[in-house]
């Protein structure tokens, strides 16, 4: 029983560390794209604005 809890604990911490790494890796790309608030720049296509709305939700989920 103790071994099983240990494995679950390792899996949870691995997932947390990977999520944090992905979050720290992705945030500069998101903010480097320009204004993070969608639909303020009419030069962006619909797909660009859509991704600018989806990325914060992904970051919130990872955090």
C-alpha atoms as a PDB file:
ATOM      1  CA  UNK A   1       0.000   0.000   0.000  1.00  0.00           C
ATOM      2  CA  UNK A   2       2.813   2.382   0.857  1.00  0.00           C
ATOM      3  CA  UNK A   3       4.562   1.667  -2.448  1.00  0.00           C
ATOM      4  CA  UNK A   4       1.396   2.502  -4.395  1.00  0.00           C
ATOM      5  CA  UNK A   5       1.014   5.831  -2.589  1.00  0.00           C
ATOM      6  CA  UNK A   6       4.659   6.587  -3.286  1.00  0.00           C
ATOM      7  CA  UNK A   7       4.196   5.976  -7.025  1.00  0.00           C
ATOM      8  CA  UNK A   8       1.083   8.155  -7.130  1.00  0.00           C
ATOM      9  CA  UNK A   9       2.953  10.899  -5.319  1.00  0.00           C
ATOM     10  CA  UNK A  10       5.813  10.722  -7.839  1.00  0.00           C
ATOM     11  CA  UNK A  11       3.371  10.890 -10.766  1.00  0.00           C
ATOM     12  CA  UNK A  12       1.597  13.917  -9.274  1.00  0.00           C
ATOM     13  CA  UNK A  13       4.835  15.801  -8.695  1.00  0.00           C
ATOM     14  CA  UNK A  14       6.104  14.918 -12.162  1.00  0.00           C
ATOM     15  CA  UNK A  15       2.919  16.312 -13.688  1.00  0.00           C
ATOM     16  CA  UNK A  16       3.202  19.489 -11.599  1.00  0.00           C
ATOM     17  CA  UNK A  17       6.826  20.044 -12.590  1.00  0.00           C
ATOM     18  CA  UNK A  18       6.114  19.432 -16.281  1.00  0.00           C
ATOM     19  CA  UNK A  19       3.114  21.798 -16.181  1.00  0.00           C
ATOM     20  CA  UNK A  20       5.209  24.492 -14.520  1.00  0.00           C
ATOM     21  CA  UNK A  21       7.961  24.042 -17.097  1.00  0.00           C
ATOM     22  CA  UNK A  22       5.484  24.282 -19.944  1.00  0.00           C
ATOM     23  CA  UNK A  23       3.915  27.348 -18.372  1.00  0.00           C
ATOM     24  CA  UNK A  24       7.261  29.097 -17.939  1.00  0.00           C
ATOM     25  CA  UNK A  25       8.301  28.155 -21.476  1.00  0.00           C
ATOM     26  CA  UNK A  26       5.040  29.309 -23.104  1.00  0.00           C
ATOM     27  CA  UNK A  27       4.382  32.599 -21.321  1.00  0.00           C
ATOM     28  CA  UNK A  28       7.171  34.566 -23.055  1.00  0.00           C
ATOM     29  CA  UNK A  29       5.804  33.498 -26.438  1.00  0.00           C
ATOM     30  CA  UNK A  30       2.299  34.590 -25.461  1.00  0.00           C
ATOM     31  CA  UNK A  31       3.366  37.997 -24.171  1.00  0.00           C
ATOM     32  CA  UNK A  32       5.933  38.408 -26.937  1.00  0.00           C
ATOM     33  CA  UNK A  33       3.198  38.135 -29.540  1.00  0.00           C
ATOM     34  CA  UNK A  34       2.077  41.646 -28.709  1.00  0.00           C
ATOM     35  CA  UNK A  35      -0.929  42.854 -26.818  1.00  0.00           C
ATOM     36  CA  UNK A  36      -2.319  39.852 -24.910  1.00  0.00           C
ATOM     37  CA  UNK A  37      -5.833  41.278 -24.921  1.00  0.00           C
ATOM     38  CA  UNK A  38      -7.640  39.839 -27.951  1.00  0.00           C
ATOM     39  CA  UNK A  39      -9.512  41.842 -30.562  1.00  0.00           C
ATOM     40  CA  UNK A  40      -7.705  45.111 -29.884  1.00  0.00           C
ATOM     41  CA  UNK A  41      -5.598  44.896 -33.026  1.00  0.00           C
ATOM     42  CA  UNK A  42      -7.662  44.591 -36.220  1.00  0.00           C
ATOM     43  CA  UNK A  43      -4.556  43.397 -38.094  1.00  0.00           C
ATOM     44  CA  UNK A  44      -4.813  40.008 -36.371  1.00  0.00           C
ATOM     45  CA  UNK A  45      -6.789  37.350 -38.146  1.00  0.00           C
ATOM     46  CA  UNK A  46      -9.661  35.527 -36.503  1.00  0.00           C
ATOM     47  CA  UNK A  47      -7.424  32.525 -35.862  1.00  0.00           C
ATOM     48  CA  UNK A  48      -4.778  34.694 -34.175  1.00  0.00           C
ATOM     49  CA  UNK A  49      -7.400  36.245 -31.914  1.00  0.00           C
ATOM     50  CA  UNK A  50      -8.834  32.825 -31.156  1.00  0.00           C
ATOM     51  CA  UNK A  51      -5.433  31.528 -30.035  1.00  0.00           C
ATOM     52  CA  UNK A  52      -4.923  34.651 -27.935  1.00  0.00           C
ATOM     53  CA  UNK A  53      -8.141  33.750 -26.101  1.00  0.00           C
ATOM     54  CA  UNK A  54      -7.343  30.035 -25.732  1.00  0.00           C
ATOM     55  CA  UNK A  55      -3.787  30.372 -24.393  1.00  0.00           C
ATOM     56  CA  UNK A  56      -4.776  32.097 -21.110  1.00  0.00           C
ATOM     57  CA  UNK A  57      -7.250  29.292 -20.439  1.00  0.00           C
ATOM     58  CA  UNK A  58      -4.494  26.747 -21.005  1.00  0.00           C
ATOM     59  CA  UNK A  59      -2.170  28.661 -18.671  1.00  0.00           C
ATOM     60  CA  UNK A  60      -4.847  28.840 -15.976  1.00  0.00           C
ATOM     61  CA  UNK A  61      -5.416  25.115 -16.330  1.00  0.00           C
ATOM     62  CA  UNK A  62      -1.703  24.378 -16.053  1.00  0.00           C
ATOM     63  CA  UNK A  63      -1.301  26.601 -13.009  1.00  0.00           C
END
